[in-house]
N, C-alpha and C. Protein backbone atom coordinates (compact mmCIF):
# COMPACT_ATOMS: atom_id res chain seq x y z
N MET A 1 -11.19 -16.36 -22.54
CA MET A 1 -11.85 -14.99 -22.94
C MET A 1 -11.59 -14.20 -21.43
N SER A 2 -11.50 -13.05 -21.50
CA SER A 2 -11.62 -12.29 -20.42
C SER A 2 -12.80 -12.21 -19.64
N LYS A 3 -12.71 -12.09 -18.35
CA LYS A 3 -14.24 -11.72 -17.72
C LYS A 3 -14.14 -10.32 -17.28
N ILE A 4 -15.54 -9.76 -17.23
CA ILE A 4 -15.57 -8.39 -16.79
C ILE A 4 -16.26 -8.46 -15.33
N LEU A 5 -15.62 -7.53 -14.46
CA LEU A 5 -16.40 -7.26 -13.34
C LEU A 5 -17.50 -6.60 -13.25
N SER A 6 -18.54 -6.85 -12.50
CA SER A 6 -20.06 -6.17 -12.51
C SER A 6 -19.81 -4.72 -12.19
N ASP A 7 -20.83 -3.97 -12.50
CA ASP A 7 -20.85 -2.71 -12.11
C ASP A 7 -20.66 -2.53 -10.43
N GLU A 8 -21.51 -3.36 -9.91
CA GLU A 8 -21.23 -3.47 -8.41
C GLU A 8 -19.88 -3.67 -7.78
N SER A 9 -19.27 -4.61 -8.34
CA SER A 9 -17.72 -4.65 -7.84
C SER A 9 -17.00 -3.50 -8.23
N LEU A 10 -17.25 -2.76 -9.32
CA LEU A 10 -16.36 -1.88 -9.91
C LEU A 10 -16.69 -0.58 -8.72
N ASP A 11 -17.85 -0.42 -8.46
CA ASP A 11 -18.59 0.52 -7.33
C ASP A 11 -17.64 0.13 -6.30
N LEU A 12 -17.47 -0.87 -5.62
CA LEU A 12 -17.05 -1.14 -4.41
C LEU A 12 -15.33 -1.01 -4.47
N ILE A 13 -15.03 -1.26 -5.60
CA ILE A 13 -13.34 -1.07 -5.70
C ILE A 13 -12.78 0.47 -5.94
N PHE A 14 -13.81 0.96 -6.83
CA PHE A 14 -13.25 2.52 -7.18
C PHE A 14 -14.51 3.53 -7.13
N ARG A 15 -15.68 3.46 -7.75
CA ARG A 15 -16.61 4.68 -7.69
C ARG A 15 -17.09 4.97 -6.58
N ASP A 16 -17.35 4.03 -5.68
CA ASP A 16 -17.92 4.41 -4.15
C ASP A 16 -16.92 4.40 -3.27
N ALA A 17 -15.71 3.91 -3.61
CA ALA A 17 -14.58 3.88 -2.38
C ALA A 17 -14.23 5.11 -2.05
N ARG A 18 -14.03 5.52 -0.71
CA ARG A 18 -13.61 6.94 -0.44
C ARG A 18 -12.35 6.68 0.68
N THR A 19 -11.64 7.49 0.66
CA THR A 19 -10.60 7.67 1.90
C THR A 19 -11.29 8.08 3.13
N GLN A 20 -11.01 7.19 3.94
CA GLN A 20 -11.51 7.18 5.25
C GLN A 20 -10.99 7.98 6.29
N ASN A 21 -11.63 8.94 7.00
CA ASN A 21 -11.08 9.65 8.17
C ASN A 21 -11.50 9.27 9.45
N ALA A 22 -12.47 8.35 9.38
CA ALA A 22 -13.00 7.87 10.78
C ALA A 22 -13.21 6.57 10.59
N TRP A 23 -13.25 5.65 11.73
CA TRP A 23 -13.44 4.44 11.77
C TRP A 23 -14.42 3.71 12.79
N ARG A 24 -15.15 2.67 12.37
CA ARG A 24 -16.15 1.92 13.29
C ARG A 24 -15.33 1.15 14.19
N ASP A 25 -15.78 0.75 15.25
CA ASP A 25 -15.32 -0.29 16.16
C ASP A 25 -14.97 -1.73 15.22
N GLY A 26 -14.32 -2.52 15.50
CA GLY A 26 -14.24 -3.75 15.12
C GLY A 26 -12.54 -4.10 14.48
N GLU A 27 -12.48 -5.30 14.72
CA GLU A 27 -11.13 -5.84 14.29
C GLU A 27 -10.87 -6.26 12.90
N VAL A 28 -9.64 -6.41 12.47
CA VAL A 28 -9.36 -6.91 10.92
C VAL A 28 -8.30 -8.14 11.59
N SER A 29 -9.03 -9.22 11.49
CA SER A 29 -8.40 -10.52 11.76
C SER A 29 -6.95 -10.89 10.84
N ASP A 30 -6.20 -11.75 11.67
CA ASP A 30 -5.04 -12.38 10.74
C ASP A 30 -5.52 -12.86 9.70
N VAL A 31 -6.56 -13.62 9.63
CA VAL A 31 -7.07 -14.11 8.20
C VAL A 31 -7.42 -13.27 7.28
N THR A 32 -8.14 -12.14 7.64
CA THR A 32 -8.21 -11.04 6.42
C THR A 32 -6.91 -10.55 5.85
N LEU A 33 -6.10 -10.37 6.88
CA LEU A 33 -4.77 -9.72 6.44
C LEU A 33 -4.07 -10.54 5.64
N ALA A 34 -4.20 -11.82 5.88
CA ALA A 34 -3.34 -12.91 5.10
C ALA A 34 -4.12 -12.76 3.76
N ALA A 35 -5.49 -12.79 3.80
CA ALA A 35 -6.32 -12.79 2.22
C ALA A 35 -6.03 -11.62 1.48
N LEU A 36 -5.85 -10.52 2.02
CA LEU A 36 -5.51 -9.18 1.47
C LEU A 36 -4.19 -9.48 0.81
N TYR A 37 -3.22 -9.64 1.62
CA TYR A 37 -1.93 -9.96 0.79
C TYR A 37 -1.81 -10.94 -0.18
N ASP A 38 -2.61 -12.15 0.00
CA ASP A 38 -2.68 -13.32 -0.94
C ASP A 38 -3.33 -12.74 -2.35
N LEU A 39 -4.22 -11.66 -2.32
CA LEU A 39 -4.75 -11.04 -3.47
C LEU A 39 -3.62 -10.11 -4.25
N MET A 40 -3.25 -9.12 -3.28
CA MET A 40 -2.34 -8.18 -3.72
C MET A 40 -0.99 -8.65 -4.46
N ARG A 41 -0.57 -9.76 -4.02
CA ARG A 41 0.75 -10.34 -4.45
C ARG A 41 0.70 -11.01 -5.81
N TRP A 42 -0.53 -11.19 -6.62
CA TRP A 42 -0.72 -11.35 -7.99
C TRP A 42 -0.56 -10.44 -8.87
N GLY A 43 -0.58 -8.90 -8.57
CA GLY A 43 -0.47 -7.90 -9.29
C GLY A 43 0.84 -7.83 -9.74
N PRO A 44 1.05 -7.31 -11.29
CA PRO A 44 2.22 -7.55 -11.93
C PRO A 44 3.29 -6.58 -11.44
N THR A 45 4.77 -6.90 -11.29
CA THR A 45 5.73 -5.93 -11.20
C THR A 45 6.69 -6.39 -12.13
N SER A 46 7.57 -5.28 -12.44
CA SER A 46 8.73 -5.45 -13.45
C SER A 46 9.56 -6.66 -12.89
N ALA A 47 9.77 -7.68 -13.80
CA ALA A 47 10.84 -8.82 -13.53
C ALA A 47 10.42 -9.59 -12.44
N ASN A 48 9.14 -9.52 -11.98
CA ASN A 48 8.32 -10.17 -10.84
C ASN A 48 8.87 -9.71 -9.52
N CYS A 49 9.66 -8.53 -9.52
CA CYS A 49 10.49 -8.22 -8.37
C CYS A 49 9.88 -7.94 -6.93
N SER A 50 8.48 -7.84 -7.04
CA SER A 50 7.80 -7.75 -5.78
C SER A 50 8.58 -7.06 -4.40
N PRO A 51 8.61 -5.72 -4.55
CA PRO A 51 9.60 -4.99 -3.54
C PRO A 51 8.93 -4.66 -2.35
N ALA A 52 7.56 -4.84 -2.36
CA ALA A 52 6.68 -4.24 -1.22
C ALA A 52 7.02 -5.16 -0.04
N ARG A 53 7.16 -4.32 1.13
CA ARG A 53 6.99 -4.79 2.40
C ARG A 53 6.03 -4.17 3.37
N ILE A 54 5.35 -4.91 4.03
CA ILE A 54 4.20 -4.29 4.81
C ILE A 54 4.22 -4.50 6.20
N LEU A 55 4.28 -3.60 7.20
CA LEU A 55 4.09 -3.65 8.57
C LEU A 55 2.70 -3.55 9.11
N PHE A 56 1.87 -4.40 9.33
CA PHE A 56 0.54 -4.18 9.89
C PHE A 56 0.76 -3.67 11.20
N LEU A 57 0.44 -2.43 11.76
CA LEU A 57 0.30 -1.95 13.02
C LEU A 57 -1.15 -2.00 13.50
N ARG A 58 -1.30 -2.94 14.38
CA ARG A 58 -2.59 -3.27 14.96
C ARG A 58 -2.91 -2.77 16.33
N SER A 59 -1.69 -3.38 17.33
CA SER A 59 -1.70 -3.39 18.79
C SER A 59 -1.60 -1.63 18.88
N THR A 60 -2.21 -1.18 20.15
CA THR A 60 -2.02 0.36 20.50
C THR A 60 -0.49 0.57 20.83
N GLU A 61 0.07 -0.47 21.20
CA GLU A 61 1.70 -0.30 21.34
C GLU A 61 2.60 0.15 19.92
N ALA A 62 2.12 -0.67 18.82
CA ALA A 62 2.80 -0.64 17.61
C ALA A 62 2.46 0.82 17.24
N LYS A 63 1.08 1.20 17.35
CA LYS A 63 0.56 2.56 16.75
C LYS A 63 1.25 3.74 17.52
N GLU A 64 1.17 3.41 18.87
CA GLU A 64 2.18 4.65 19.75
C GLU A 64 3.28 4.84 19.20
N ARG A 65 4.05 3.74 18.64
CA ARG A 65 5.44 4.08 18.33
C ARG A 65 5.49 4.91 16.87
N LEU A 66 4.50 4.76 15.85
CA LEU A 66 4.08 5.48 14.86
C LEU A 66 3.79 6.91 15.34
N LYS A 67 2.98 7.18 16.37
CA LYS A 67 2.29 8.51 16.63
C LYS A 67 3.20 9.66 16.48
N PRO A 68 4.38 9.72 16.92
CA PRO A 68 5.20 10.85 16.71
C PRO A 68 5.70 11.05 15.64
N PHE A 69 5.73 10.44 14.64
CA PHE A 69 5.94 11.03 13.11
C PHE A 69 4.99 11.13 12.36
N LEU A 70 3.63 11.44 13.00
CA LEU A 70 2.48 11.73 11.96
C LEU A 70 2.19 13.28 12.22
N LEU A 71 1.93 13.91 10.77
CA LEU A 71 1.51 15.01 10.95
C LEU A 71 0.20 15.19 11.87
N PRO A 72 0.06 16.44 12.50
CA PRO A 72 -0.98 16.52 13.71
C PRO A 72 -2.54 15.81 13.15
N GLY A 73 -2.74 16.21 11.70
CA GLY A 73 -3.99 15.97 11.20
C GLY A 73 -4.31 14.69 10.90
N ASN A 74 -3.21 13.67 11.19
CA ASN A 74 -3.18 12.33 10.73
C ASN A 74 -3.22 11.63 11.90
N VAL A 75 -2.90 12.07 13.26
CA VAL A 75 -3.01 11.40 14.44
C VAL A 75 -4.31 10.57 14.84
N GLU A 76 -5.27 11.40 15.05
CA GLU A 76 -6.47 10.69 15.58
C GLU A 76 -6.92 9.61 14.72
N LYS A 77 -7.01 9.91 13.21
CA LYS A 77 -7.66 8.69 12.47
C LYS A 77 -6.65 7.60 12.37
N THR A 78 -5.26 7.73 12.48
CA THR A 78 -4.33 6.83 12.42
C THR A 78 -4.62 5.89 14.00
N MET A 79 -4.80 6.65 14.95
CA MET A 79 -4.82 5.83 16.17
C MET A 79 -6.00 5.11 16.50
N LYS A 80 -7.02 5.40 15.79
CA LYS A 80 -8.35 4.93 15.85
C LYS A 80 -8.64 3.83 14.92
N ALA A 81 -7.90 3.61 13.69
CA ALA A 81 -7.90 2.69 12.84
C ALA A 81 -7.59 1.32 13.67
N PRO A 82 -8.40 0.29 12.95
CA PRO A 82 -8.16 -1.07 13.46
C PRO A 82 -6.96 -1.51 13.08
N VAL A 83 -6.29 -1.05 11.83
CA VAL A 83 -4.93 -1.57 11.54
C VAL A 83 -4.16 -0.10 10.51
N CYS A 84 -3.15 0.18 10.88
CA CYS A 84 -2.56 1.03 10.00
C CYS A 84 -1.41 0.13 9.27
N ALA A 85 -1.31 0.17 8.19
CA ALA A 85 -0.09 -0.57 7.40
C ALA A 85 0.78 0.59 6.82
N ILE A 86 2.11 0.13 7.32
CA ILE A 86 3.34 0.73 6.66
C ILE A 86 3.46 0.01 5.31
N ILE A 87 3.38 0.78 4.37
CA ILE A 87 3.71 0.00 3.00
C ILE A 87 5.17 0.58 2.63
N GLY A 88 5.92 -0.30 2.77
CA GLY A 88 7.41 -0.04 2.33
C GLY A 88 7.84 -0.85 1.17
N TYR A 89 9.11 -0.76 0.91
CA TYR A 89 9.73 -1.31 -0.33
C TYR A 89 11.22 -1.86 0.07
N ASP A 90 11.71 -2.91 -0.32
CA ASP A 90 13.07 -3.55 -0.08
C ASP A 90 13.85 -2.94 -1.31
N THR A 91 14.99 -2.13 -0.81
CA THR A 91 16.14 -1.64 -1.85
C THR A 91 16.78 -2.75 -2.25
N ARG A 92 16.91 -3.91 -1.73
CA ARG A 92 17.53 -4.99 -2.37
C ARG A 92 16.61 -6.06 -2.68
N PHE A 93 15.59 -5.93 -3.11
CA PHE A 93 14.70 -6.77 -3.60
C PHE A 93 15.30 -7.86 -4.66
N TYR A 94 16.23 -7.18 -5.43
CA TYR A 94 17.01 -8.33 -6.42
C TYR A 94 17.63 -9.30 -5.72
N GLU A 95 17.70 -9.41 -4.48
CA GLU A 95 18.33 -10.78 -4.01
C GLU A 95 17.57 -11.84 -4.11
N LEU A 96 16.14 -11.55 -4.13
CA LEU A 96 15.15 -12.70 -4.32
C LEU A 96 14.93 -13.09 -5.86
N LEU A 97 15.52 -12.48 -6.89
CA LEU A 97 15.29 -12.55 -8.20
C LEU A 97 15.76 -13.87 -8.66
N PRO A 98 16.68 -14.79 -8.28
CA PRO A 98 16.76 -16.08 -8.79
C PRO A 98 15.48 -16.93 -8.24
N ARG A 99 14.97 -16.54 -7.25
CA ARG A 99 13.59 -17.46 -6.95
C ARG A 99 12.39 -16.84 -7.80
N LEU A 100 12.25 -15.59 -7.53
CA LEU A 100 10.87 -14.94 -8.29
C LEU A 100 11.10 -14.86 -9.84
N PHE A 101 12.14 -14.75 -10.51
CA PHE A 101 12.26 -14.66 -12.01
C PHE A 101 13.35 -15.73 -12.54
N PRO A 102 12.89 -16.95 -12.29
CA PRO A 102 13.99 -18.04 -12.47
C PRO A 102 14.28 -18.29 -13.98
N HIS A 103 13.54 -17.81 -14.91
CA HIS A 103 13.70 -17.71 -16.25
C HIS A 103 14.94 -16.93 -17.02
N SER A 104 15.20 -16.04 -16.06
CA SER A 104 16.41 -15.29 -16.47
C SER A 104 17.38 -15.16 -15.25
N PRO A 105 18.42 -16.13 -15.26
CA PRO A 105 19.11 -16.61 -14.21
C PRO A 105 20.22 -15.14 -13.86
N ASP A 106 20.29 -14.29 -14.95
CA ASP A 106 21.17 -13.21 -14.69
C ASP A 106 20.33 -12.03 -14.18
N ALA A 107 18.99 -12.14 -13.83
CA ALA A 107 18.26 -10.89 -13.40
C ALA A 107 18.72 -10.14 -12.52
N LYS A 108 19.41 -10.95 -11.15
CA LYS A 108 19.82 -10.09 -10.24
C LYS A 108 20.84 -8.99 -10.74
N SER A 109 21.78 -9.35 -11.63
CA SER A 109 22.81 -8.49 -12.17
C SER A 109 22.34 -7.17 -12.94
N TRP A 110 21.17 -7.07 -13.18
CA TRP A 110 20.52 -5.83 -13.69
C TRP A 110 20.46 -4.65 -12.65
N PHE A 111 20.46 -5.05 -11.52
CA PHE A 111 20.10 -4.32 -10.44
C PHE A 111 21.27 -4.23 -9.47
N ASP A 112 21.99 -5.16 -9.28
CA ASP A 112 22.82 -5.18 -8.01
C ASP A 112 24.14 -4.35 -7.92
N SER A 113 24.44 -3.98 -9.40
CA SER A 113 25.59 -3.08 -9.73
C SER A 113 25.36 -1.70 -9.68
N ASP A 114 23.93 -1.29 -9.64
CA ASP A 114 23.59 0.17 -9.90
C ASP A 114 22.45 0.46 -8.86
N GLU A 115 22.73 1.02 -8.00
CA GLU A 115 21.98 1.60 -6.79
C GLU A 115 20.56 2.33 -7.10
N GLN A 116 21.05 3.25 -8.18
CA GLN A 116 19.95 4.15 -8.56
C GLN A 116 19.00 3.53 -9.36
N VAL A 117 19.38 2.50 -10.27
CA VAL A 117 18.38 1.76 -10.79
C VAL A 117 17.51 0.89 -10.02
N ALA A 118 18.28 0.40 -8.91
CA ALA A 118 17.54 -0.57 -7.87
C ALA A 118 16.63 0.45 -7.12
N GLU A 119 16.83 1.36 -6.73
CA GLU A 119 16.02 2.35 -5.98
C GLU A 119 14.78 2.68 -6.56
N THR A 120 15.05 3.13 -7.86
CA THR A 120 13.95 3.51 -9.02
C THR A 120 12.89 2.51 -9.03
N THR A 121 13.41 1.24 -9.28
CA THR A 121 12.87 -0.07 -9.66
C THR A 121 11.90 -0.37 -8.34
N ALA A 122 12.64 -0.35 -7.24
CA ALA A 122 11.92 -0.75 -5.86
C ALA A 122 10.73 0.50 -5.61
N PHE A 123 10.92 1.54 -5.80
CA PHE A 123 9.97 2.48 -5.41
C PHE A 123 8.75 2.37 -6.31
N ARG A 124 9.10 2.48 -7.59
CA ARG A 124 8.09 2.24 -8.55
C ARG A 124 7.16 1.05 -8.37
N ASN A 125 7.79 -0.02 -8.40
CA ASN A 125 7.05 -1.34 -8.22
C ASN A 125 6.49 -1.52 -6.78
N GLY A 126 7.04 -0.92 -5.65
CA GLY A 126 6.39 -1.00 -4.45
C GLY A 126 5.24 -0.13 -4.50
N THR A 127 5.26 1.03 -5.14
CA THR A 127 4.12 1.86 -5.23
C THR A 127 2.96 1.14 -5.96
N LEU A 128 3.23 0.75 -6.98
CA LEU A 128 2.36 -0.43 -7.61
C LEU A 128 1.53 -1.36 -6.68
N GLN A 129 2.43 -1.94 -5.93
CA GLN A 129 1.91 -3.03 -5.03
C GLN A 129 1.01 -2.27 -3.86
N GLY A 130 1.40 -1.04 -3.53
CA GLY A 130 0.61 -0.33 -2.58
C GLY A 130 -0.68 -0.12 -3.26
N ALA A 131 -0.80 0.15 -4.50
CA ALA A 131 -1.98 0.24 -5.09
C ALA A 131 -3.14 -0.99 -5.10
N TYR A 132 -2.31 -1.95 -5.59
CA TYR A 132 -2.86 -3.30 -5.55
C TYR A 132 -3.43 -3.87 -4.07
N PHE A 133 -2.76 -3.21 -3.00
CA PHE A 133 -3.04 -3.40 -1.80
C PHE A 133 -4.47 -2.83 -1.38
N MET A 134 -4.59 -1.57 -1.84
CA MET A 134 -5.72 -0.97 -1.46
C MET A 134 -7.06 -1.60 -2.36
N ILE A 135 -6.83 -2.14 -3.72
CA ILE A 135 -7.76 -2.71 -4.45
C ILE A 135 -7.99 -4.05 -3.82
N ALA A 136 -7.06 -4.68 -3.34
CA ALA A 136 -7.42 -5.95 -2.54
C ALA A 136 -8.31 -5.81 -1.38
N ALA A 137 -7.79 -4.83 -0.61
CA ALA A 137 -8.49 -4.37 0.64
C ALA A 137 -9.86 -4.17 0.37
N ARG A 138 -10.36 -3.46 -0.66
CA ARG A 138 -11.47 -2.91 -0.90
C ARG A 138 -12.58 -4.20 -1.59
N SER A 139 -11.59 -4.97 -2.25
CA SER A 139 -12.36 -6.11 -2.58
C SER A 139 -12.73 -7.10 -1.80
N LEU A 140 -12.30 -7.03 -0.48
CA LEU A 140 -12.58 -7.82 0.69
C LEU A 140 -13.61 -7.15 1.62
N GLY A 141 -14.11 -5.85 1.34
CA GLY A 141 -14.92 -5.20 1.90
C GLY A 141 -14.50 -4.21 2.85
N LEU A 142 -12.93 -4.14 2.96
CA LEU A 142 -12.41 -3.18 3.94
C LEU A 142 -12.39 -1.69 3.26
N ASP A 143 -12.50 -0.78 4.15
CA ASP A 143 -12.23 0.64 3.71
C ASP A 143 -10.79 0.93 3.78
N CYS A 144 -10.38 1.99 3.22
CA CYS A 144 -8.69 2.28 3.26
C CYS A 144 -8.81 3.91 3.57
N GLY A 145 -7.66 4.10 4.35
CA GLY A 145 -7.27 5.54 4.51
C GLY A 145 -5.89 5.85 4.17
N PRO A 146 -5.29 5.91 2.65
CA PRO A 146 -4.28 6.12 2.62
C PRO A 146 -3.62 7.42 2.85
N MET A 147 -2.32 7.74 3.22
CA MET A 147 -1.72 8.94 3.45
C MET A 147 -0.22 9.03 3.52
N SER A 148 0.15 10.51 3.31
CA SER A 148 1.52 10.58 3.28
C SER A 148 2.16 11.39 4.17
N GLY A 149 1.11 12.05 5.10
CA GLY A 149 1.33 13.03 6.23
C GLY A 149 2.28 12.32 7.19
N PHE A 150 3.52 12.01 7.25
CA PHE A 150 4.42 11.82 8.23
C PHE A 150 5.79 11.63 7.79
N ASP A 151 6.67 11.50 8.58
CA ASP A 151 8.17 11.81 8.54
C ASP A 151 8.65 10.38 8.24
N ASN A 152 8.99 10.08 6.90
CA ASN A 152 9.46 8.92 6.52
C ASN A 152 10.85 8.54 7.14
N ALA A 153 11.63 9.28 7.12
CA ALA A 153 12.98 9.16 7.66
C ALA A 153 12.86 8.71 9.43
N LYS A 154 12.03 9.14 9.85
CA LYS A 154 11.86 8.79 11.22
C LYS A 154 11.15 7.57 11.39
N VAL A 155 10.29 7.28 10.45
CA VAL A 155 9.48 5.99 10.51
C VAL A 155 10.45 4.92 10.19
N ASP A 156 11.24 5.02 9.31
CA ASP A 156 12.48 4.18 8.81
C ASP A 156 13.27 3.92 9.86
N ALA A 157 13.80 4.92 10.76
CA ALA A 157 14.59 4.78 11.81
C ALA A 157 14.07 3.86 12.91
N GLU A 158 12.72 3.89 12.94
CA GLU A 158 11.88 3.25 14.03
C GLU A 158 11.65 1.82 13.67
N PHE A 159 11.02 1.60 12.51
CA PHE A 159 10.74 0.33 12.06
C PHE A 159 11.51 -0.29 11.24
N PHE A 160 12.47 0.16 10.46
CA PHE A 160 13.43 -0.43 9.52
C PHE A 160 14.77 0.01 9.58
N PRO A 161 15.16 -0.20 10.88
CA PRO A 161 16.57 0.35 11.29
C PRO A 161 17.82 -0.24 10.51
N GLY A 162 17.72 -1.43 9.87
CA GLY A 162 18.60 -1.65 8.88
C GLY A 162 19.09 -0.92 7.66
N GLY A 163 17.78 -0.23 7.17
CA GLY A 163 18.28 0.89 6.27
C GLY A 163 17.73 -0.05 4.94
N ARG A 164 17.51 -1.37 4.79
CA ARG A 164 17.50 -1.96 3.54
C ARG A 164 15.90 -1.68 3.11
N ILE A 165 14.85 -1.57 3.87
CA ILE A 165 13.57 -1.22 3.71
C ILE A 165 13.22 0.19 4.09
N LYS A 166 12.42 0.91 2.99
CA LYS A 166 12.21 2.36 3.24
C LYS A 166 10.51 2.19 3.09
N SER A 167 10.09 3.12 3.96
CA SER A 167 8.69 3.31 3.98
C SER A 167 8.17 4.21 2.65
N ASN A 168 6.97 3.88 2.18
CA ASN A 168 6.63 4.71 0.92
C ASN A 168 5.42 5.64 1.53
N PHE A 169 4.16 4.78 1.98
CA PHE A 169 2.99 5.61 2.47
C PHE A 169 2.49 4.73 3.40
N LEU A 170 1.54 5.31 4.31
CA LEU A 170 0.60 4.51 5.18
C LEU A 170 -0.88 4.35 4.81
N CYS A 171 -1.49 3.13 5.07
CA CYS A 171 -2.65 3.05 4.70
C CYS A 171 -3.51 2.27 6.01
N SER A 172 -4.49 3.14 6.40
CA SER A 172 -5.01 2.53 7.42
C SER A 172 -6.38 1.42 6.70
N ILE A 173 -6.58 0.41 7.43
CA ILE A 173 -7.68 -0.36 6.89
C ILE A 173 -8.60 -0.75 8.16
N GLY A 174 -9.93 -0.87 7.54
CA GLY A 174 -10.77 -1.19 8.59
C GLY A 174 -12.14 -1.07 8.14
N HIS A 175 -13.23 -0.71 8.90
CA HIS A 175 -14.75 -0.34 8.27
C HIS A 175 -14.80 1.03 8.69
N GLY A 176 -14.92 1.79 7.55
CA GLY A 176 -14.96 3.32 8.08
C GLY A 176 -16.33 3.83 8.42
N ASP A 177 -16.13 4.89 9.10
CA ASP A 177 -17.38 5.63 9.72
C ASP A 177 -17.79 6.70 8.73
N PRO A 178 -18.96 6.57 8.00
CA PRO A 178 -19.39 7.62 7.08
C PRO A 178 -19.53 9.00 7.56
N ALA A 179 -19.54 9.27 8.77
CA ALA A 179 -19.60 10.52 9.40
C ALA A 179 -18.36 11.36 9.29
N GLY A 180 -17.23 10.50 9.02
CA GLY A 180 -16.08 11.16 8.89
C GLY A 180 -15.58 11.56 7.31
N LEU A 181 -16.49 11.43 6.61
CA LEU A 181 -15.98 11.51 4.96
C LEU A 181 -16.33 12.78 4.78
N PHE A 182 -15.56 13.62 3.90
CA PHE A 182 -15.72 14.76 3.08
C PHE A 182 -16.40 14.73 2.06
N PRO A 183 -17.27 15.65 1.68
CA PRO A 183 -17.88 15.67 0.09
C PRO A 183 -16.89 15.07 -0.82
N ARG A 184 -17.46 14.36 -1.76
CA ARG A 184 -16.75 13.70 -2.69
C ARG A 184 -15.95 14.78 -3.79
N SER A 185 -14.69 14.79 -3.77
CA SER A 185 -14.04 15.73 -4.63
C SER A 185 -14.03 15.40 -6.13
N PRO A 186 -14.02 16.30 -6.98
CA PRO A 186 -14.22 15.95 -8.44
C PRO A 186 -12.85 15.19 -8.94
N ARG A 187 -13.20 14.67 -10.02
CA ARG A 187 -11.90 14.05 -10.87
C ARG A 187 -11.68 14.55 -11.91
N LEU A 188 -10.64 14.61 -12.78
CA LEU A 188 -10.48 15.17 -14.23
C LEU A 188 -11.12 14.20 -15.10
N GLU A 189 -11.54 14.85 -15.99
CA GLU A 189 -12.39 14.23 -17.33
C GLU A 189 -11.27 13.43 -18.20
N PHE A 190 -11.60 12.66 -19.14
CA PHE A 190 -10.58 12.00 -20.04
C PHE A 190 -10.09 12.85 -20.86
N ASP A 191 -10.53 13.75 -21.45
CA ASP A 191 -9.79 14.84 -22.30
C ASP A 191 -8.93 15.64 -21.60
N GLU A 192 -9.03 15.91 -20.36
CA GLU A 192 -8.26 16.68 -19.76
C GLU A 192 -6.81 15.99 -19.53
N VAL A 193 -6.86 14.88 -19.34
CA VAL A 193 -5.65 13.97 -18.97
C VAL A 193 -4.94 13.02 -20.05
N CYS A 194 -5.97 12.65 -20.92
CA CYS A 194 -5.49 11.60 -21.89
C CYS A 194 -5.46 12.05 -23.52
N GLU A 195 -4.52 11.39 -24.17
CA GLU A 195 -4.63 11.82 -25.56
C GLU A 195 -4.54 10.27 -26.10
N VAL A 196 -5.11 9.99 -27.30
CA VAL A 196 -4.94 8.80 -28.01
C VAL A 196 -4.26 9.15 -29.37
N LEU A 197 -3.07 8.56 -29.76
CA LEU A 197 -2.21 9.04 -30.80
C LEU A 197 -2.29 8.05 -31.87
């Protein structure tokens, strides 16, 4: 029988969760980062392809390497975040399919001969895993500051020079400072975006 999360848990993960623009002092430990990954890795991906690759930038030196590629409005909040994760995806994820999807021995062949299919699959499933990353972080009591305001090509050249891994988005994590929050923006209603056929 399926279990249902409490309203308090749903508030923590979704309803009360906010995109953070300012951060309180305090570190995010290696133990917490490992626990975050251990939760997110269980989210489903097609053929269990698991293409997400994450760089956790915690040191000042690592964040300084990222700084030149951020849009001006994202610099301060990124530099002050305890950790900024580069959520990327492996374009050759299929090389691990014999291990990750062992009940279909030919799964690698679905992708290794079609670069566009592989890229689309990697990006889609890596994005899904990025969402799981935020849900996992929030489940562990961390706040998130996801953002797209950066130069992907320059970040890739700096952090993923081999070309195999590509950046998708950034997500700062830590404990947010409520003083940096904007008023909550509205969301669309069910009838505006959903249809039951």
